[in-house]
Amino acid sequence: MHDDQEPALELTSELVPLHVIAEGRDLPADHEYSRTALVTAQEGTSAAARTLTPEARKVMDLVSDGLLSVAEVAGRTQLPLGIVRILIAHLVEVGLVFVRPPLPRAVSHDRALLQAVIDGLEKKTLGA
């Protein structure tokens, strides 16, 4: 018994060039998102998201529940990072998502200095 139905073609398969997924867009210079930039959907955008490409809709679905990094979006969509950046830039331009810069790295403090401050405070409270 042979099934005559052909499998559905995925839009992200090797047969669909990546520039088609990005709709021929380039990444604008002012949208150079780092891999750790955080993306989230703007509120009340579900109706507008219906008109998006399947890939852009998948990005919207992923970020609608909270913050995801650009790298996480790329990993979960299995699209190249550059294509995801282009899709996110388009979603920002049409007001569907918000991108927040990554949080700065925590600054490492000098343990000896902190211990000296603690010791000084303890002496002051014990001596008072």
N, C-alpha and C. Protein backbone atom coordinates (compact mmCIF):
# COMPACT_ATOMS: atom_id res chain seq x y z
N MET A 1 0.85 -1.17 0.00
CA MET A 1 0.00 0.00 0.00
C MET A 1 0.89 1.24 0.00
N HIS A 2 0.66 2.13 -0.91
CA HIS A 2 1.50 3.32 -1.07
C HIS A 2 0.64 4.56 -0.92
N ASP A 3 1.09 5.49 -0.14
CA ASP A 3 0.37 6.74 0.07
C ASP A 3 0.70 7.69 -1.07
N ASP A 4 -0.29 8.16 -1.81
CA ASP A 4 -0.08 9.02 -2.97
C ASP A 4 0.06 10.49 -2.62
N GLN A 5 -0.14 10.84 -1.36
CA GLN A 5 -0.04 12.24 -0.97
C GLN A 5 1.42 12.64 -0.79
N GLU A 6 1.75 13.82 -1.29
CA GLU A 6 3.11 14.34 -1.12
C GLU A 6 3.22 15.02 0.23
N PRO A 7 4.39 14.91 0.87
CA PRO A 7 4.55 15.62 2.16
C PRO A 7 4.51 17.13 1.93
N ALA A 8 4.00 17.83 2.93
CA ALA A 8 3.91 19.29 2.84
C ALA A 8 5.31 19.89 2.80
N LEU A 9 5.52 20.87 1.95
CA LEU A 9 6.81 21.54 1.82
C LEU A 9 6.93 22.58 2.92
N GLU A 10 7.98 22.47 3.74
CA GLU A 10 8.21 23.46 4.77
C GLU A 10 8.81 24.70 4.14
N LEU A 11 8.36 25.85 4.59
CA LEU A 11 8.88 27.09 4.03
C LEU A 11 10.34 27.33 4.38
N THR A 12 10.83 26.66 5.40
CA THR A 12 12.23 26.84 5.77
C THR A 12 13.11 25.70 5.28
N SER A 13 12.61 24.91 4.36
CA SER A 13 13.40 23.80 3.85
C SER A 13 14.51 24.31 2.94
N GLU A 14 15.39 23.41 2.55
CA GLU A 14 16.51 23.79 1.69
C GLU A 14 16.04 24.27 0.32
N LEU A 15 14.82 23.94 -0.05
CA LEU A 15 14.31 24.34 -1.37
C LEU A 15 13.88 25.80 -1.42
N VAL A 16 13.68 26.41 -0.27
CA VAL A 16 13.26 27.81 -0.23
C VAL A 16 14.46 28.66 0.16
N PRO A 17 14.95 29.49 -0.74
CA PRO A 17 16.11 30.33 -0.42
C PRO A 17 15.80 31.28 0.74
N LEU A 18 16.83 31.57 1.52
CA LEU A 18 16.66 32.40 2.70
C LEU A 18 16.23 33.82 2.34
N HIS A 19 16.62 34.34 1.18
CA HIS A 19 16.20 35.70 0.83
C HIS A 19 14.70 35.76 0.56
N VAL A 20 14.09 34.62 0.25
CA VAL A 20 12.63 34.59 0.09
C VAL A 20 11.97 34.71 1.46
N ILE A 21 12.54 34.02 2.45
CA ILE A 21 12.00 34.09 3.81
C ILE A 21 12.10 35.51 4.34
N ALA A 22 13.21 36.18 4.03
CA ALA A 22 13.41 37.57 4.48
C ALA A 22 12.71 38.56 3.56
N GLU A 23 11.99 38.06 2.57
CA GLU A 23 11.27 38.88 1.59
C GLU A 23 12.18 39.89 0.92
N GLY A 24 13.43 39.50 0.67
CA GLY A 24 14.37 40.35 -0.04
C GLY A 24 14.92 41.51 0.76
N ARG A 25 14.56 41.59 2.05
CA ARG A 25 15.02 42.70 2.89
C ARG A 25 16.45 42.48 3.35
N ASP A 26 17.13 43.59 3.57
CA ASP A 26 18.43 43.58 4.24
C ASP A 26 18.23 44.07 5.65
N LEU A 27 19.20 43.80 6.49
CA LEU A 27 19.13 44.29 7.86
C LEU A 27 19.49 45.76 7.89
N PRO A 28 18.57 46.63 8.34
CA PRO A 28 18.89 48.06 8.43
C PRO A 28 20.04 48.29 9.41
N ALA A 29 20.86 49.28 9.12
CA ALA A 29 22.04 49.55 9.94
C ALA A 29 21.68 49.87 11.39
N ASP A 30 20.52 50.48 11.61
CA ASP A 30 20.15 50.84 12.98
C ASP A 30 19.51 49.68 13.75
N HIS A 31 19.46 48.50 13.15
CA HIS A 31 18.88 47.33 13.81
C HIS A 31 19.90 46.20 13.92
N GLU A 32 21.10 46.52 14.33
CA GLU A 32 22.15 45.52 14.51
C GLU A 32 21.99 44.88 15.89
N TYR A 33 21.06 43.97 16.02
CA TYR A 33 20.77 43.37 17.32
C TYR A 33 21.84 42.36 17.71
N SER A 34 22.27 42.43 18.96
CA SER A 34 23.21 41.43 19.46
C SER A 34 22.45 40.14 19.72
N ARG A 35 23.18 39.06 19.85
CA ARG A 35 22.55 37.76 20.11
C ARG A 35 21.81 37.75 21.43
N THR A 36 22.22 38.59 22.37
CA THR A 36 21.61 38.58 23.69
C THR A 36 20.55 39.66 23.88
N ALA A 37 20.26 40.43 22.82
CA ALA A 37 19.18 41.42 22.91
C ALA A 37 17.87 40.67 23.17
N LEU A 38 17.00 41.26 23.97
CA LEU A 38 15.77 40.60 24.37
C LEU A 38 14.58 41.12 23.55
N VAL A 39 13.78 40.18 23.06
CA VAL A 39 12.65 40.50 22.18
C VAL A 39 11.36 40.09 22.87
N THR A 40 10.35 40.95 22.79
CA THR A 40 9.03 40.61 23.29
C THR A 40 7.98 41.26 22.39
N ALA A 41 6.80 40.68 22.38
CA ALA A 41 5.71 41.22 21.55
C ALA A 41 5.08 42.43 22.24
N GLN A 42 4.69 43.41 21.43
CA GLN A 42 3.94 44.54 21.95
C GLN A 42 2.53 44.03 22.31
N GLU A 43 1.87 44.68 23.22
CA GLU A 43 0.53 44.26 23.61
C GLU A 43 -0.48 44.59 22.52
N GLY A 44 -1.48 43.73 22.38
CA GLY A 44 -2.57 43.96 21.45
C GLY A 44 -2.19 43.83 19.98
N THR A 45 -1.25 42.96 19.66
CA THR A 45 -0.79 42.84 18.28
C THR A 45 -1.23 41.55 17.61
N SER A 46 -2.08 40.77 18.26
CA SER A 46 -2.44 39.46 17.70
C SER A 46 -3.19 39.58 16.38
N ALA A 47 -4.03 40.60 16.22
CA ALA A 47 -4.77 40.75 14.97
C ALA A 47 -3.84 41.09 13.81
N ALA A 48 -2.88 41.97 14.04
CA ALA A 48 -1.94 42.37 12.99
C ALA A 48 -1.00 41.23 12.63
N ALA A 49 -0.74 40.33 13.55
CA ALA A 49 0.19 39.22 13.31
C ALA A 49 -0.36 38.22 12.31
N ARG A 50 -1.66 38.23 12.08
CA ARG A 50 -2.26 37.27 11.14
C ARG A 50 -1.83 37.50 9.70
N THR A 51 -1.37 38.69 9.38
CA THR A 51 -1.00 39.01 8.00
C THR A 51 0.48 38.75 7.72
N LEU A 52 1.21 38.22 8.69
CA LEU A 52 2.65 38.02 8.55
C LEU A 52 2.96 36.72 7.80
N THR A 53 4.21 36.62 7.37
CA THR A 53 4.68 35.38 6.77
C THR A 53 4.70 34.30 7.85
N PRO A 54 4.71 33.03 7.47
CA PRO A 54 4.74 31.97 8.49
C PRO A 54 5.94 32.09 9.44
N GLU A 55 7.10 32.47 8.92
CA GLU A 55 8.28 32.59 9.77
C GLU A 55 8.14 33.74 10.76
N ALA A 56 7.65 34.87 10.29
CA ALA A 56 7.45 36.02 11.17
C ALA A 56 6.37 35.70 12.22
N ARG A 57 5.35 34.97 11.81
CA ARG A 57 4.31 34.57 12.77
C ARG A 57 4.89 33.65 13.84
N LYS A 58 5.80 32.77 13.44
CA LYS A 58 6.43 31.88 14.41
C LYS A 58 7.25 32.69 15.41
N VAL A 59 7.96 33.71 14.93
CA VAL A 59 8.71 34.59 15.83
C VAL A 59 7.75 35.26 16.80
N MET A 60 6.65 35.77 16.28
CA MET A 60 5.65 36.43 17.14
C MET A 60 5.10 35.47 18.19
N ASP A 61 4.81 34.23 17.78
CA ASP A 61 4.30 33.25 18.73
C ASP A 61 5.30 32.99 19.85
N LEU A 62 6.58 32.91 19.48
CA LEU A 62 7.62 32.64 20.48
C LEU A 62 7.77 33.77 21.49
N VAL A 63 7.71 35.02 21.03
CA VAL A 63 7.97 36.15 21.92
C VAL A 63 6.71 36.71 22.56
N SER A 64 5.56 36.15 22.24
CA SER A 64 4.32 36.68 22.80
C SER A 64 4.15 36.32 24.28
N ASP A 65 4.86 35.29 24.74
CA ASP A 65 4.72 34.88 26.13
C ASP A 65 5.73 35.51 27.07
N GLY A 66 6.65 36.30 26.53
CA GLY A 66 7.65 36.93 27.38
C GLY A 66 8.89 37.28 26.59
N LEU A 67 9.98 37.46 27.29
CA LEU A 67 11.24 37.86 26.67
C LEU A 67 12.05 36.65 26.22
N LEU A 68 12.57 36.72 25.01
CA LEU A 68 13.52 35.74 24.49
C LEU A 68 14.67 36.49 23.86
N SER A 69 15.86 35.94 23.95
CA SER A 69 16.99 36.57 23.28
C SER A 69 16.90 36.29 21.78
N VAL A 70 17.58 37.10 21.01
CA VAL A 70 17.62 36.92 19.56
C VAL A 70 18.17 35.53 19.24
N ALA A 71 19.18 35.09 19.96
CA ALA A 71 19.77 33.77 19.73
C ALA A 71 18.77 32.66 20.04
N GLU A 72 17.97 32.82 21.10
CA GLU A 72 16.95 31.82 21.43
C GLU A 72 15.89 31.74 20.34
N VAL A 73 15.50 32.88 19.80
CA VAL A 73 14.52 32.89 18.72
C VAL A 73 15.08 32.15 17.50
N ALA A 74 16.35 32.41 17.18
CA ALA A 74 16.98 31.72 16.05
C ALA A 74 17.03 30.22 16.29
N GLY A 75 17.38 29.82 17.49
CA GLY A 75 17.45 28.40 17.81
C GLY A 75 16.11 27.71 17.73
N ARG A 76 15.09 28.35 18.24
CA ARG A 76 13.76 27.73 18.26
C ARG A 76 13.08 27.73 16.90
N THR A 77 13.42 28.69 16.05
CA THR A 77 12.84 28.70 14.70
C THR A 77 13.69 27.91 13.72
N GLN A 78 14.91 27.58 14.12
CA GLN A 78 15.88 26.88 13.27
C GLN A 78 16.19 27.67 12.01
N LEU A 79 16.18 28.98 12.15
CA LEU A 79 16.56 29.87 11.06
C LEU A 79 17.92 30.48 11.39
N PRO A 80 18.68 30.86 10.37
CA PRO A 80 19.97 31.52 10.63
C PRO A 80 19.78 32.82 11.40
N LEU A 81 20.76 33.15 12.21
CA LEU A 81 20.71 34.33 13.05
C LEU A 81 20.47 35.60 12.22
N GLY A 82 21.11 35.72 11.09
CA GLY A 82 20.94 36.90 10.23
C GLY A 82 19.52 37.05 9.73
N ILE A 83 18.88 35.94 9.36
CA ILE A 83 17.49 35.98 8.90
C ILE A 83 16.57 36.37 10.05
N VAL A 84 16.83 35.84 11.23
CA VAL A 84 16.01 36.19 12.40
C VAL A 84 16.15 37.67 12.71
N ARG A 85 17.36 38.21 12.61
CA ARG A 85 17.55 39.65 12.84
C ARG A 85 16.76 40.47 11.84
N ILE A 86 16.72 40.04 10.59
CA ILE A 86 15.94 40.76 9.57
C ILE A 86 14.45 40.69 9.88
N LEU A 87 13.96 39.50 10.26
CA LEU A 87 12.54 39.35 10.61
C LEU A 87 12.19 40.22 11.82
N ILE A 88 13.05 40.22 12.82
CA ILE A 88 12.79 41.04 14.02
C ILE A 88 12.81 42.52 13.66
N ALA A 89 13.75 42.94 12.82
CA ALA A 89 13.80 44.36 12.40
C ALA A 89 12.50 44.75 11.72
N HIS A 90 11.97 43.88 10.88
CA HIS A 90 10.70 44.18 10.21
C HIS A 90 9.56 44.26 11.24
N LEU A 91 9.55 43.34 12.20
CA LEU A 91 8.50 43.35 13.22
C LEU A 91 8.58 44.60 14.10
N VAL A 92 9.80 45.09 14.33
CA VAL A 92 9.97 46.34 15.08
C VAL A 92 9.42 47.51 14.26
N GLU A 93 9.75 47.53 12.97
CA GLU A 93 9.31 48.64 12.10
C GLU A 93 7.80 48.74 12.02
N VAL A 94 7.11 47.60 12.03
CA VAL A 94 5.64 47.63 11.95
C VAL A 94 4.99 47.68 13.32
N GLY A 95 5.81 47.79 14.37
CA GLY A 95 5.29 47.99 15.73
C GLY A 95 4.74 46.76 16.41
N LEU A 96 5.20 45.57 16.02
CA LEU A 96 4.68 44.36 16.63
C LEU A 96 5.54 43.82 17.76
N VAL A 97 6.83 44.13 17.74
CA VAL A 97 7.71 43.67 18.82
C VAL A 97 8.55 44.82 19.33
N PHE A 98 9.09 44.61 20.51
CA PHE A 98 9.99 45.55 21.15
C PHE A 98 11.28 44.81 21.44
N VAL A 99 12.41 45.44 21.15
CA VAL A 99 13.71 44.83 21.42
C VAL A 99 14.42 45.67 22.47
N ARG A 100 14.82 45.01 23.53
CA ARG A 100 15.52 45.66 24.62
C ARG A 100 16.99 45.26 24.57
N PRO A 101 17.89 46.21 24.74
CA PRO A 101 19.32 45.85 24.74
C PRO A 101 19.60 44.82 25.84
N PRO A 102 20.62 44.02 25.65
CA PRO A 102 20.94 43.03 26.68
C PRO A 102 21.33 43.70 27.99
N LEU A 103 21.10 43.00 29.06
CA LEU A 103 21.47 43.51 30.37
C LEU A 103 23.00 43.54 30.46
N PRO A 104 23.55 44.60 31.05
CA PRO A 104 25.01 44.65 31.17
C PRO A 104 25.50 43.56 32.11
N ARG A 105 26.72 43.13 31.87
CA ARG A 105 27.32 42.12 32.73
C ARG A 105 27.50 42.68 34.14
N ALA A 106 27.33 41.82 35.11
CA ALA A 106 27.55 42.22 36.50
C ALA A 106 29.02 42.55 36.70
N VAL A 107 29.27 43.60 37.44
CA VAL A 107 30.63 44.02 37.71
C VAL A 107 31.15 43.22 38.90
N SER A 108 32.32 42.67 38.75
CA SER A 108 32.94 41.93 39.83
C SER A 108 33.59 42.93 40.79
N HIS A 109 33.29 42.78 42.07
CA HIS A 109 33.83 43.69 43.07
C HIS A 109 35.02 43.07 43.77
N ASP A 110 35.86 43.91 44.29
CA ASP A 110 37.04 43.48 45.02
C ASP A 110 36.60 42.92 46.38
N ARG A 111 36.79 41.63 46.57
CA ARG A 111 36.37 40.98 47.81
C ARG A 111 37.08 41.57 49.04
N ALA A 112 38.34 41.87 48.89
CA ALA A 112 39.10 42.42 50.02
C ALA A 112 38.53 43.77 50.45
N LEU A 113 38.16 44.60 49.50
CA LEU A 113 37.58 45.90 49.81
C LEU A 113 36.23 45.72 50.50
N LEU A 114 35.41 44.82 49.99
CA LEU A 114 34.10 44.58 50.61
C LEU A 114 34.25 44.05 52.03
N GLN A 115 35.21 43.15 52.23
CA GLN A 115 35.43 42.61 53.57
C GLN A 115 35.90 43.70 54.52
N ALA A 116 36.75 44.60 54.03
CA ALA A 116 37.23 45.71 54.87
C ALA A 116 36.06 46.62 55.27
N VAL A 117 35.14 46.86 54.35
CA VAL A 117 33.97 47.68 54.67
C VAL A 117 33.11 46.98 55.72
N ILE A 118 32.88 45.68 55.55
CA ILE A 118 32.09 44.92 56.53
C ILE A 118 32.76 44.94 57.89
N ASP A 119 34.06 44.72 57.89
CA ASP A 119 34.80 44.74 59.17
C ASP A 119 34.69 46.10 59.84
N GLY A 120 34.82 47.17 59.06
CA GLY A 120 34.72 48.52 59.60
C GLY A 120 33.34 48.80 60.18
N LEU A 121 32.29 48.33 59.50
CA LEU A 121 30.93 48.52 60.00
C LEU A 121 30.70 47.73 61.27
N GLU A 122 31.24 46.52 61.33
CA GLU A 122 31.08 45.71 62.53
C GLU A 122 31.78 46.36 63.72
N LYS A 123 32.98 46.90 63.50
CA LYS A 123 33.71 47.57 64.59
C LYS A 123 32.95 48.79 65.06
N LYS A 124 32.36 49.52 64.11
CA LYS A 124 31.63 50.74 64.48
C LYS A 124 30.39 50.40 65.30
N THR A 125 29.66 49.34 64.91
CA THR A 125 28.45 48.98 65.66
C THR A 125 28.78 48.36 67.01
N LEU A 126 29.90 47.63 67.11
CA LEU A 126 30.30 47.04 68.38
C LEU A 126 30.86 48.09 69.32
N GLY A 127 31.55 49.08 68.75
CA GLY A 127 32.16 50.13 69.57
C GLY A 127 31.17 51.18 70.01
N ALA A 128 30.03 51.28 69.37
CA ALA A 128 29.06 52.34 69.71
C ALA A 128 28.14 51.96 70.83
